[in-house]
N, C-alpha and C. Protein backbone atom coordinates (compact mmCIF):
# COMPACT_ATOMS: atom_id res chain seq x y z
N UNK A 1 -31.98 -0.26 12.56
CA UNK A 1 -32.13 1.22 13.02
C UNK A 1 -30.36 1.24 13.32
N UNK A 2 -30.28 2.34 13.12
CA UNK A 2 -29.06 2.87 13.25
C UNK A 2 -28.75 3.40 14.86
N UNK A 3 -27.51 3.10 15.36
CA UNK A 3 -27.10 3.84 16.69
C UNK A 3 -25.90 4.84 16.47
N UNK A 4 -25.35 5.73 17.04
CA UNK A 4 -24.42 6.84 16.95
C UNK A 4 -23.35 5.94 17.72
N UNK A 5 -22.54 6.42 17.15
CA UNK A 5 -21.01 5.22 17.86
C UNK A 5 -19.70 6.11 17.33
N UNK A 6 -18.78 6.21 18.88
CA UNK A 6 -17.67 6.51 17.78
C UNK A 6 -17.21 5.89 17.66
N UNK A 7 -16.11 6.54 16.25
CA UNK A 7 -15.13 5.47 15.31
C UNK A 7 -14.16 6.62 15.18
N UNK A 8 -13.19 5.98 16.29
CA UNK A 8 -11.96 6.53 16.61
C UNK A 8 -10.75 6.21 15.53
N UNK A 9 -10.62 4.80 15.09
CA UNK A 9 -9.72 4.64 14.02
C UNK A 9 -9.77 4.38 12.67
N UNK A 10 -11.11 5.59 12.44
CA UNK A 10 -11.91 5.93 11.13
C UNK A 10 -12.43 7.10 11.07
N UNK A 11 -11.55 8.01 10.49
CA UNK A 11 -11.82 9.39 10.03
C UNK A 11 -13.05 9.75 8.77
N UNK A 12 -13.83 10.23 8.65
CA UNK A 12 -14.82 10.16 7.80
C UNK A 12 -14.50 11.74 7.22
N UNK A 13 -14.14 12.17 5.74
CA UNK A 13 -13.84 13.52 5.08
C UNK A 13 -14.82 14.00 4.24
N UNK A 14 -15.48 15.07 4.56
CA UNK A 14 -16.30 15.45 3.82
C UNK A 14 -15.80 16.23 2.41
N UNK A 15 -15.12 15.56 1.44
CA UNK A 15 -14.19 16.60 0.46
C UNK A 15 -15.33 16.56 -0.72
N UNK A 16 -16.59 15.73 -0.91
CA UNK A 16 -17.62 16.09 -1.98
C UNK A 16 -18.93 15.96 -1.54
N UNK A 17 -19.62 17.61 -1.69
CA UNK A 17 -20.76 17.28 -1.15
C UNK A 17 -22.11 16.17 -1.65
N UNK A 18 -21.97 15.73 -0.16
CA UNK A 18 -22.82 14.62 -0.03
C UNK A 18 -22.06 13.17 -0.17
N UNK A 19 -20.66 13.43 0.02
CA UNK A 19 -20.30 12.02 0.29
C UNK A 19 -19.43 11.90 1.46
N UNK A 20 -19.03 10.82 1.81
CA UNK A 20 -17.78 10.49 2.58
C UNK A 20 -16.41 9.65 2.33
N UNK A 21 -15.96 9.71 2.81
CA UNK A 21 -14.50 9.30 2.24
C UNK A 21 -13.75 9.28 3.15
N UNK A 22 -12.96 7.76 3.03
CA UNK A 22 -12.19 7.52 4.09
C UNK A 22 -10.90 8.25 4.55
N UNK A 23 -10.22 8.68 5.89
CA UNK A 23 -9.51 10.22 5.65
C UNK A 23 -8.40 8.92 5.23
N UNK A 24 -7.23 10.47 4.67
CA UNK A 24 -6.02 9.76 4.52
C UNK A 24 -5.03 10.01 5.96
N UNK A 25 -3.69 10.02 5.84
CA UNK A 25 -2.87 9.86 6.78
C UNK A 25 -2.75 11.41 7.40
N UNK A 26 -2.68 11.53 8.66
CA UNK A 26 -2.80 12.89 8.96
C UNK A 26 -2.45 14.06 8.08
N UNK A 27 -1.29 13.48 7.75
CA UNK A 27 -0.36 14.74 6.39
C UNK A 27 -1.31 15.27 5.62
N UNK A 28 -2.16 14.46 5.50
CA UNK A 28 -2.74 14.44 3.96
C UNK A 28 -4.31 15.26 4.59
N UNK A 29 -4.58 14.91 5.92
CA UNK A 29 -6.09 15.19 5.95
C UNK A 29 -6.46 16.51 6.99
N UNK A 30 -4.92 17.20 7.17
CA UNK A 30 -5.13 18.08 7.61
C UNK A 30 -5.58 19.27 7.05
N UNK A 31 -6.31 20.05 7.82
CA UNK A 31 -7.17 21.32 6.98
C UNK A 31 -8.42 21.05 6.22
N UNK A 32 -8.56 19.50 6.20
CA UNK A 32 -10.11 19.51 5.70
C UNK A 32 -11.01 18.60 6.20
N UNK A 33 -12.11 19.55 6.84
CA UNK A 33 -12.95 19.34 7.77
C UNK A 33 -13.40 17.99 8.34
N UNK A 34 -13.38 17.29 8.88
CA UNK A 34 -14.27 15.96 9.37
C UNK A 34 -15.68 16.12 9.78
N UNK A 35 -16.18 15.04 9.02
CA UNK A 35 -18.13 15.19 9.40
C UNK A 35 -17.84 13.58 9.71
N UNK A 36 -18.94 13.46 10.40
CA UNK A 36 -19.44 11.83 10.35
C UNK A 36 -20.84 12.06 10.53
N UNK A 37 -22.04 11.79 9.74
CA UNK A 37 -23.37 11.60 9.59
C UNK A 37 -24.12 10.77 9.58
N UNK A 38 -24.72 10.52 11.18
CA UNK A 38 -24.73 9.05 11.24
C UNK A 38 -26.59 9.78 11.83
N UNK A 39 -27.49 8.80 10.75
CA UNK A 39 -28.61 8.72 11.05
C UNK A 39 -29.73 8.99 12.46
N UNK A 40 -30.35 9.77 12.63
CA UNK A 40 -30.92 9.70 13.96
C UNK A 40 -31.72 7.99 13.58
N UNK A 41 -31.94 7.31 14.88
CA UNK A 41 -33.04 6.07 15.45
C UNK A 41 -34.11 6.46 14.43
N UNK A 42 -34.38 5.54 13.34
CA UNK A 42 -35.86 5.64 12.53
C UNK A 42 -36.93 4.44 12.85
N UNK A 43 -38.07 4.51 12.70
CA UNK A 43 -38.53 3.31 12.87
C UNK A 43 -38.61 2.19 11.94
N UNK A 44 -38.53 0.78 12.39
CA UNK A 44 -38.27 0.28 11.65
C UNK A 44 -38.94 0.21 9.68
N UNK A 45 -40.05 0.78 10.02
CA UNK A 45 -40.88 0.40 8.72
C UNK A 45 -40.14 1.56 7.62
N UNK A 46 -39.53 2.80 8.00
CA UNK A 46 -38.77 3.64 7.35
C UNK A 46 -37.74 3.04 6.72
N UNK A 47 -37.75 2.93 4.97
CA UNK A 47 -36.46 2.68 4.65
C UNK A 47 -35.62 3.87 4.44
N UNK A 48 -34.14 3.52 4.92
CA UNK A 48 -33.20 3.96 5.05
C UNK A 48 -32.27 4.21 3.75
N UNK A 49 -31.68 5.33 3.27
CA UNK A 49 -31.42 5.61 1.88
C UNK A 49 -29.65 6.07 2.45
N UNK A 50 -29.00 5.25 2.32
CA UNK A 50 -27.42 6.08 2.81
C UNK A 50 -27.00 6.74 1.40
N UNK A 51 -26.74 7.58 1.40
CA UNK A 51 -26.01 8.60 0.54
C UNK A 51 -24.35 8.36 0.09
N UNK A 52 -23.82 7.71 1.40
CA UNK A 52 -22.27 7.17 1.22
C UNK A 52 -22.43 6.01 -0.12
N UNK A 53 -23.05 5.55 0.03
CA UNK A 53 -23.22 4.31 -0.96
C UNK A 53 -23.20 4.43 -2.33
N UNK A 54 -23.68 5.85 -2.27
CA UNK A 54 -23.88 5.90 -4.28
C UNK A 54 -22.48 7.00 -4.51
N UNK A 55 -22.03 5.84 -5.11
CA UNK A 55 -20.28 6.37 -5.47
C UNK A 55 -20.37 7.09 -6.85
N UNK A 56 -19.81 8.63 -6.90
CA UNK A 56 -19.78 9.02 -8.46
C UNK A 56 -18.24 9.26 -8.89
N UNK A 57 -18.01 8.84 -10.30
CA UNK A 57 -16.91 8.70 -10.75
C UNK A 57 -15.72 9.64 -9.70
N UNK A 58 -15.94 10.44 -9.53
CA UNK A 58 -15.40 11.70 -9.08
C UNK A 58 -15.05 11.15 -7.89
N UNK A 59 -15.54 10.33 -6.76
CA UNK A 59 -15.34 9.85 -5.78
C UNK A 59 -14.40 8.69 -5.89
N UNK A 60 -14.86 8.03 -7.13
CA UNK A 60 -13.94 6.78 -7.38
C UNK A 60 -12.54 7.14 -7.63
N UNK A 61 -12.48 8.23 -8.50
CA UNK A 61 -11.09 9.30 -8.64
C UNK A 61 -10.46 9.35 -7.26
N UNK A 62 -10.98 10.27 -6.61
CA UNK A 62 -10.60 10.38 -5.42
C UNK A 62 -9.73 9.29 -4.77
N UNK A 63 -11.16 8.24 -4.19
CA UNK A 63 -10.73 7.36 -3.31
C UNK A 63 -9.06 6.94 -4.33
N UNK A 64 -9.28 6.35 -5.71
CA UNK A 64 -8.07 5.90 -5.99
C UNK A 64 -6.67 6.63 -6.11
N UNK A 65 -6.93 7.98 -6.13
CA UNK A 65 -6.05 8.73 -5.92
C UNK A 65 -5.09 8.95 -4.45
N UNK A 66 -5.96 8.98 -3.71
CA UNK A 66 -5.35 9.17 -2.21
C UNK A 66 -5.46 7.78 -1.54
N UNK A 67 -6.09 7.09 -1.51
CA UNK A 67 -6.58 5.97 -0.55
C UNK A 67 -6.48 4.64 -1.00
N UNK A 68 -6.02 4.57 -2.11
CA UNK A 68 -6.06 2.96 -2.78
C UNK A 68 -4.96 2.42 -2.15
N UNK A 69 -4.60 0.63 -2.18
CA UNK A 69 -3.50 0.06 -1.91
C UNK A 69 -2.60 0.60 -2.70
N UNK A 70 -2.64 0.58 -4.25
CA UNK A 70 -2.05 1.04 -5.14
C UNK A 70 -1.19 2.70 -5.12
N UNK A 71 -1.89 3.18 -4.71
CA UNK A 71 -1.54 4.51 -4.53
C UNK A 71 -0.56 5.07 -2.99
N UNK A 72 -0.90 3.90 -1.97
CA UNK A 72 -0.03 4.09 -1.39
C UNK A 72 1.10 3.16 -1.16
N UNK A 73 1.28 2.44 -1.81
CA UNK A 73 2.37 1.96 -2.21
C UNK A 73 3.51 2.36 -2.59
N UNK A 74 4.38 2.43 -2.03
CA UNK A 74 5.63 3.50 -2.14
C UNK A 74 6.64 2.80 -2.38
N UNK A 75 6.95 1.69 -3.01
CA UNK A 75 8.33 1.12 -3.34
C UNK A 75 8.06 0.38 -5.00
N UNK A 76 8.57 0.31 -5.59
CA UNK A 76 8.89 -0.28 -6.98
C UNK A 76 8.39 0.48 -8.34
N UNK A 77 9.21 0.04 -8.82
CA UNK A 77 8.51 0.62 -10.18
C UNK A 77 7.72 -0.02 -11.30
N UNK A 78 6.54 0.59 -11.23
CA UNK A 78 5.14 -0.21 -11.78
C UNK A 78 4.80 0.94 -12.44
N UNK A 79 3.80 0.45 -13.73
CA UNK A 79 3.01 1.09 -14.57
C UNK A 79 2.39 2.24 -13.71
N UNK A 80 2.76 3.10 -14.73
CA UNK A 80 2.18 4.42 -14.14
C UNK A 80 0.47 4.72 -13.47
N UNK A 81 0.03 4.86 -12.48
CA UNK A 81 -1.12 5.08 -12.34
C UNK A 81 -1.70 6.15 -12.59
N UNK A 82 -1.03 7.22 -13.21
CA UNK A 82 -1.56 8.30 -14.03
C UNK A 82 -1.81 7.87 -15.44
N UNK A 83 -2.86 7.94 -15.90
CA UNK A 83 -3.50 7.74 -17.26
C UNK A 83 -4.49 9.32 -17.92
N UNK A 84 -3.80 10.41 -17.47
CA UNK A 84 -4.88 11.19 -18.08
C UNK A 84 -4.06 12.11 -19.35
N UNK A 85 -4.40 13.31 -19.32
CA UNK A 85 -4.34 14.30 -20.56
C UNK A 85 -2.28 13.93 -20.96
N UNK A 86 -1.71 14.03 -19.67
CA UNK A 86 -0.56 14.38 -20.20
C UNK A 86 0.41 12.81 -20.49
N UNK A 87 -0.53 12.07 -20.15
CA UNK A 87 0.31 10.69 -19.92
C UNK A 87 0.22 10.24 -21.65
N UNK A 88 1.80 9.65 -21.83
CA UNK A 88 1.94 8.99 -23.27
C UNK A 88 2.69 7.60 -23.11
N UNK A 89 1.99 6.74 -23.44
CA UNK A 89 1.99 5.19 -23.94
C UNK A 89 3.69 5.12 -24.48
N UNK A 90 4.10 6.20 -25.07
CA UNK A 90 5.58 6.39 -25.46
C UNK A 90 6.80 6.52 -24.63
N UNK A 91 6.06 7.44 -23.47
CA UNK A 91 7.14 7.81 -22.87
C UNK A 91 7.47 6.84 -21.36
N UNK A 92 6.58 5.61 -21.46
CA UNK A 92 6.29 4.61 -20.33
C UNK A 92 7.84 4.31 -20.29
N UNK A 93 8.77 3.65 -20.71
CA UNK A 93 9.90 2.89 -20.78
C UNK A 93 10.35 3.69 -20.02
N UNK A 94 10.78 5.49 -20.79
CA UNK A 94 11.64 6.50 -20.14
C UNK A 94 10.97 6.57 -19.07
N UNK A 95 9.81 6.81 -18.53
CA UNK A 95 9.88 7.02 -17.34
C UNK A 95 9.72 5.80 -16.37
N UNK A 96 9.71 4.87 -16.43
CA UNK A 96 10.00 3.70 -15.87
C UNK A 96 11.48 3.83 -15.63
N UNK A 97 12.57 3.98 -16.51
CA UNK A 97 14.03 4.69 -16.78
C UNK A 97 14.51 5.38 -15.95
N UNK A 98 13.32 6.56 -15.44
CA UNK A 98 14.28 7.66 -14.89
C UNK A 98 13.67 7.25 -13.34
N UNK A 99 12.86 6.55 -13.12
CA UNK A 99 12.46 6.02 -11.27
C UNK A 99 12.92 5.40 -11.23
N UNK A 100 13.39 4.13 -12.00
CA UNK A 100 14.67 3.37 -11.34
C UNK A 100 15.89 4.34 -11.50
N UNK A 101 16.29 4.75 -12.38
CA UNK A 101 17.50 5.54 -11.73
C UNK A 101 17.57 6.71 -10.47
N UNK A 102 16.46 7.50 -10.72
CA UNK A 102 16.49 8.91 -9.58
C UNK A 102 16.64 7.98 -8.37
N UNK A 103 15.55 7.04 -8.22
CA UNK A 103 15.54 6.60 -6.75
C UNK A 103 14.98 5.04 -6.40
N UNK A 104 15.18 4.42 -7.75
CA UNK A 104 15.56 2.80 -7.65
C UNK A 104 13.88 2.35 -7.02
N UNK A 105 12.89 3.65 -7.74
CA UNK A 105 11.49 3.26 -7.56
C UNK A 105 10.96 3.43 -6.12
N UNK A 106 11.65 3.99 -4.93
CA UNK A 106 11.51 4.82 -3.98
C UNK A 106 10.52 5.95 -3.87
N UNK A 107 9.39 5.85 -3.62
CA UNK A 107 8.73 6.84 -4.06
C UNK A 107 8.75 8.22 -2.73
N UNK A 108 9.22 7.41 -1.62
CA UNK A 108 9.15 8.24 -0.25
C UNK A 108 10.57 8.72 -0.26
N UNK A 109 11.44 8.51 -0.92
CA UNK A 109 12.78 8.91 -0.81
C UNK A 109 13.28 10.44 -0.95
N UNK A 110 13.80 10.65 -0.12
CA UNK A 110 14.52 12.33 -0.66
C UNK A 110 16.10 12.43 0.16
N UNK A 111 16.71 12.76 -1.02
CA UNK A 111 18.38 12.67 -1.57
C UNK A 111 19.14 13.64 -0.55
N UNK A 112 20.14 13.75 -0.55
CA UNK A 112 21.08 14.61 0.54
C UNK A 112 20.90 15.72 -0.02
N UNK A 113 20.48 16.24 -1.57
CA UNK A 113 20.48 17.12 -2.16
C UNK A 113 19.47 18.07 -2.09
N UNK A 114 17.96 17.53 -1.27
CA UNK A 114 17.03 17.93 -1.14
C UNK A 114 15.90 17.85 -2.08
N UNK A 115 16.15 16.69 -3.41
CA UNK A 115 15.22 16.83 -4.46
C UNK A 115 14.28 15.14 -3.80
N UNK A 116 13.24 15.09 -3.88
CA UNK A 116 12.32 14.34 -3.18
C UNK A 116 11.34 13.21 -4.60
N UNK A 117 11.08 12.13 -3.49
CA UNK A 117 10.27 11.22 -4.80
C UNK A 117 10.72 10.28 -5.63
N UNK A 118 10.26 9.48 -6.44
CA UNK A 118 10.40 8.51 -7.36
C UNK A 118 10.94 9.27 -8.75
N UNK A 119 11.15 10.62 -9.07
CA UNK A 119 11.47 11.06 -9.92
C UNK A 119 12.40 12.38 -9.62
N UNK A 120 12.61 12.17 -8.30
CA UNK A 120 13.88 13.45 -7.62
C UNK A 120 13.31 15.05 -7.74
N UNK A 121 12.43 15.29 -7.84
CA UNK A 121 11.76 16.86 -7.71
C UNK A 121 11.75 17.58 -7.32
N UNK A 122 12.59 18.71 -7.15
CA UNK A 122 13.01 19.72 -6.24
C UNK A 122 11.37 20.42 -5.74
N UNK A 123 11.69 20.85 -4.54
CA UNK A 123 10.34 21.37 -3.90
C UNK A 123 9.81 22.56 -4.93
N UNK A 124 10.45 23.54 -5.30
CA UNK A 124 9.92 24.57 -6.36
C UNK A 124 8.95 23.62 -7.92
N UNK A 125 9.55 22.67 -7.99
CA UNK A 125 9.00 21.98 -9.50
C UNK A 125 7.79 21.10 -8.75
N UNK A 126 8.25 20.39 -7.51
CA UNK A 126 7.10 19.80 -6.94
C UNK A 126 5.48 20.86 -7.07
N UNK A 127 5.65 22.07 -6.26
CA UNK A 127 4.93 23.13 -6.24
C UNK A 127 4.18 23.48 -7.32
N UNK A 128 5.15 23.78 -8.37
CA UNK A 128 4.47 24.43 -9.67
C UNK A 128 3.88 23.24 -10.36
N UNK A 129 4.06 22.18 -9.99
CA UNK A 129 3.08 20.71 -11.14
C UNK A 129 1.89 21.02 -10.19
N UNK A 130 1.92 21.09 -9.08
CA UNK A 130 0.23 21.21 -8.39
C UNK A 130 -0.61 22.18 -9.18
N UNK A 131 0.00 23.26 -9.64
CA UNK A 131 -0.46 24.50 -10.09
C UNK A 131 -1.14 23.51 -11.67
N UNK A 132 -0.29 23.10 -12.53
CA UNK A 132 -0.23 22.71 -13.46
C UNK A 132 -1.18 21.36 -13.64
N UNK A 133 -1.33 20.69 -12.76
CA UNK A 133 -2.33 19.48 -12.67
C UNK A 133 -3.90 20.21 -12.12
N UNK A 134 -3.64 21.48 -11.62
CA UNK A 134 -4.97 22.06 -11.27
C UNK A 134 -6.50 21.93 -12.54
N UNK A 135 -5.89 22.37 -13.61
CA UNK A 135 -7.18 22.30 -14.49
C UNK A 135 -8.04 20.91 -14.91
N UNK A 136 -6.76 19.64 -14.82
CA UNK A 136 -7.40 18.78 -15.47
C UNK A 136 -8.40 17.78 -14.53
N UNK A 137 -7.23 18.27 -12.86
CA UNK A 137 -7.87 17.38 -11.72
C UNK A 137 -9.59 17.90 -11.47
N UNK A 138 -9.62 19.30 -11.77
CA UNK A 138 -10.77 19.89 -11.37
C UNK A 138 -12.36 19.48 -11.97
N UNK A 139 -11.78 18.67 -13.38
CA UNK A 139 -12.52 17.86 -14.03
C UNK A 139 -12.45 16.88 -13.04
N UNK A 140 -11.61 16.20 -13.14
CA UNK A 140 -11.80 14.39 -12.67
C UNK A 140 -12.24 14.58 -11.17
N UNK A 141 -12.20 15.55 -10.33
CA UNK A 141 -12.68 15.18 -9.23
C UNK A 141 -13.46 15.96 -8.31
N UNK A 142 -14.01 17.32 -9.42
CA UNK A 142 -14.65 18.16 -9.61
C UNK A 142 -13.84 19.45 -8.62
N UNK A 143 -14.37 20.75 -8.73
CA UNK A 143 -13.33 21.76 -8.74
C UNK A 143 -13.24 21.74 -6.95
N UNK A 144 -14.02 21.77 -6.00
CA UNK A 144 -13.71 21.46 -4.71
C UNK A 144 -12.67 20.42 -4.14
N UNK A 145 -13.08 19.74 -4.38
CA UNK A 145 -12.14 18.63 -4.49
C UNK A 145 -10.73 18.68 -4.63
N UNK A 146 -10.83 18.66 -6.04
CA UNK A 146 -8.95 18.91 -6.68
C UNK A 146 -8.43 20.09 -5.50
N UNK A 147 -9.40 21.49 -5.43
CA UNK A 147 -8.30 22.31 -4.75
C UNK A 147 -8.34 22.21 -3.55
N UNK A 148 -8.88 21.57 -3.14
CA UNK A 148 -8.27 20.82 -1.18
C UNK A 148 -7.11 20.20 -1.85
N UNK A 149 -7.42 19.54 -2.16
CA UNK A 149 -6.15 17.75 -2.25
C UNK A 149 -4.84 18.56 -3.01
N UNK A 150 -5.02 19.28 -4.14
CA UNK A 150 -4.04 20.08 -4.63
C UNK A 150 -3.06 21.10 -3.84
N UNK A 151 -3.95 22.12 -2.60
CA UNK A 151 -3.79 22.91 -2.16
C UNK A 151 -2.64 22.04 -1.19
N UNK A 152 -3.40 20.81 -0.40
CA UNK A 152 -2.43 19.69 0.64
C UNK A 152 -1.10 19.45 0.01
N UNK A 153 -1.45 18.82 -1.50
CA UNK A 153 -0.16 18.34 -1.79
C UNK A 153 0.65 19.32 -1.64
N UNK A 154 0.55 21.31 -1.96
CA UNK A 154 1.49 21.78 -2.13
C UNK A 154 2.47 22.01 -0.91
N UNK A 155 1.88 22.07 0.17
CA UNK A 155 2.82 22.18 0.99
C UNK A 155 2.91 20.93 2.23
N UNK A 156 2.66 19.46 0.79
CA UNK A 156 3.51 18.95 1.90
C UNK A 156 4.82 18.22 1.03
N UNK A 157 5.68 17.77 1.43
CA UNK A 157 7.09 17.29 1.05
C UNK A 157 6.82 16.22 -0.48
N UNK A 158 7.07 16.27 -1.38
CA UNK A 158 6.98 15.55 -2.60
C UNK A 158 6.94 13.96 -1.78
N UNK A 159 7.99 13.69 -1.68
CA UNK A 159 8.21 12.54 -0.76
C UNK A 159 7.43 11.69 -0.42
N UNK A 160 5.85 12.68 0.46
CA UNK A 160 5.03 12.05 0.75
C UNK A 160 3.71 11.96 0.05
N UNK A 161 4.09 12.49 -1.37
CA UNK A 161 2.49 12.57 -2.29
C UNK A 161 2.33 10.96 -2.49
N UNK A 162 1.01 10.46 -2.87
CA UNK A 162 1.08 9.25 -2.92
C UNK A 162 1.69 9.22 -4.02
N UNK A 163 1.50 7.83 -4.77
CA UNK A 163 2.10 7.36 -5.98
C UNK A 163 1.52 8.29 -7.01
N UNK A 164 -0.07 7.97 -7.30
CA UNK A 164 -0.58 8.52 -8.38
C UNK A 164 -0.12 9.94 -8.25
N UNK A 165 0.07 11.12 -7.14
CA UNK A 165 0.24 12.20 -7.42
C UNK A 165 1.68 12.75 -8.08
N UNK A 166 2.57 11.71 -7.53
CA UNK A 166 4.24 11.57 -8.41
C UNK A 166 3.91 11.51 -10.03
N UNK A 167 2.77 10.16 -9.98
CA UNK A 167 3.23 9.75 -11.98
C UNK A 167 2.67 10.99 -12.24
N UNK A 168 1.46 11.41 -12.09
CA UNK A 168 0.59 12.61 -12.88
C UNK A 168 1.21 14.27 -12.56
N UNK A 169 2.50 14.36 -11.76
CA UNK A 169 3.16 14.84 -11.84
C UNK A 169 4.41 15.28 -12.81
N UNK A 170 5.10 13.70 -12.70
CA UNK A 170 5.61 13.85 -13.76
C UNK A 170 5.57 13.94 -15.10
N UNK A 171 4.44 12.99 -15.55
CA UNK A 171 4.05 13.05 -16.98
C UNK A 171 3.68 14.51 -17.29
N UNK A 172 2.66 15.31 -16.01
CA UNK A 172 2.28 16.53 -16.78
C UNK A 172 3.72 17.68 -16.82
N UNK A 173 4.55 17.67 -15.90
CA UNK A 173 6.04 18.46 -16.67
C UNK A 173 6.45 17.86 -17.76
N UNK A 174 6.93 16.41 -17.81
CA UNK A 174 7.46 15.97 -19.15
C UNK A 174 6.82 16.13 -20.30
N UNK A 175 5.62 16.55 -20.09
CA UNK A 175 4.58 16.28 -21.75
C UNK A 175 3.73 17.79 -21.80
N UNK A 176 4.04 18.21 -21.05
CA UNK A 176 3.29 19.62 -20.54
C UNK A 176 2.66 20.42 -22.28
N UNK A 177 4.23 20.93 -22.83
CA UNK A 177 3.90 21.44 -24.11
C UNK A 177 4.09 20.24 -25.26
N UNK A 178 3.28 19.42 -25.23
CA UNK A 178 4.01 18.23 -26.36
C UNK A 178 4.67 17.21 -25.78
N UNK A 179 5.07 16.20 -25.99
CA UNK A 179 5.53 14.97 -25.56
C UNK A 179 7.45 15.38 -26.02
N UNK A 180 7.54 15.09 -24.35
CA UNK A 180 8.93 15.03 -23.80
C UNK A 180 9.34 16.84 -24.26
N UNK A 181 8.16 17.32 -24.39
CA UNK A 181 9.01 19.09 -23.44
C UNK A 181 9.38 19.48 -22.22
N UNK A 182 9.09 18.85 -21.31
CA UNK A 182 10.07 19.11 -20.05
C UNK A 182 10.90 18.20 -19.96
N UNK A 183 11.50 17.34 -21.00
CA UNK A 183 12.55 16.14 -20.45
C UNK A 183 13.91 16.80 -19.84
N UNK A 184 14.08 18.21 -20.42
CA UNK A 184 15.35 18.46 -19.85
C UNK A 184 15.64 18.61 -18.20
N UNK A 185 14.44 18.58 -17.56
CA UNK A 185 14.20 18.52 -15.89
C UNK A 185 14.73 17.11 -15.73
N UNK A 186 15.55 16.21 -16.23
CA UNK A 186 15.41 14.74 -15.96
C UNK A 186 16.45 14.12 -17.20
N UNK A 187 17.77 15.37 -17.36
CA UNK A 187 18.60 15.00 -18.63
C UNK A 187 19.93 14.62 -17.86
N UNK A 188 19.92 14.56 -16.47
CA UNK A 188 21.23 14.15 -15.98
C UNK A 188 21.03 12.30 -14.89
N UNK A 189 21.99 12.34 -14.47
CA UNK A 189 21.69 10.76 -13.32
C UNK A 189 22.93 10.36 -13.86
N UNK A 190 22.95 8.65 -13.09
CA UNK A 190 23.44 7.82 -13.12
C UNK A 190 23.79 7.57 -14.63
N UNK A 191 22.95 7.18 -15.16
CA UNK A 191 22.75 6.64 -16.59
C UNK A 191 22.01 7.56 -17.79
N UNK A 192 22.47 7.13 -18.63
CA UNK A 192 20.83 7.87 -19.54
C UNK A 192 20.13 6.80 -20.36
N UNK A 193 18.98 7.58 -20.00
CA UNK A 193 17.35 6.48 -20.19
C UNK A 193 17.09 6.91 -21.64
């Protein structure tokens, strides 16, 4: 039998209809309605099916992109977490070089010039990337969840985006119209990649 309880350290979000997902830090969770669905007490003979235990591919993807330890790790040059439509294995060495050159692999850095994140993107470029990523991520996360996440990212400085979303923005911009088509955004720097 279940008993209602107030859980203060964990908030649950209803991002995908019929699902419950652990909440992101307040910067990401603002404007997304919180919901806790606790079943009323039921007789012991009545089986209880918890819908939160059934995890769809979209829910898994949402957890990976927002809440996993890998995406919350903001330090180090690691393999790209993004492996979607605009990811190119042939560009991976260059992507790592750019992250090392631009930020030494610090995803949460902001330069004196106002560039953000591992790839040192301007706020305008980051906002544009959220629109560029929308179509692909509607297919991966579902339309409602993708719209909510990308709308929230649009109003969040890129240096506070999880690693997955910074990697996705880089690959989407860099390969938008073909491999390397956006390379001009990262043509300068301390050394050539």
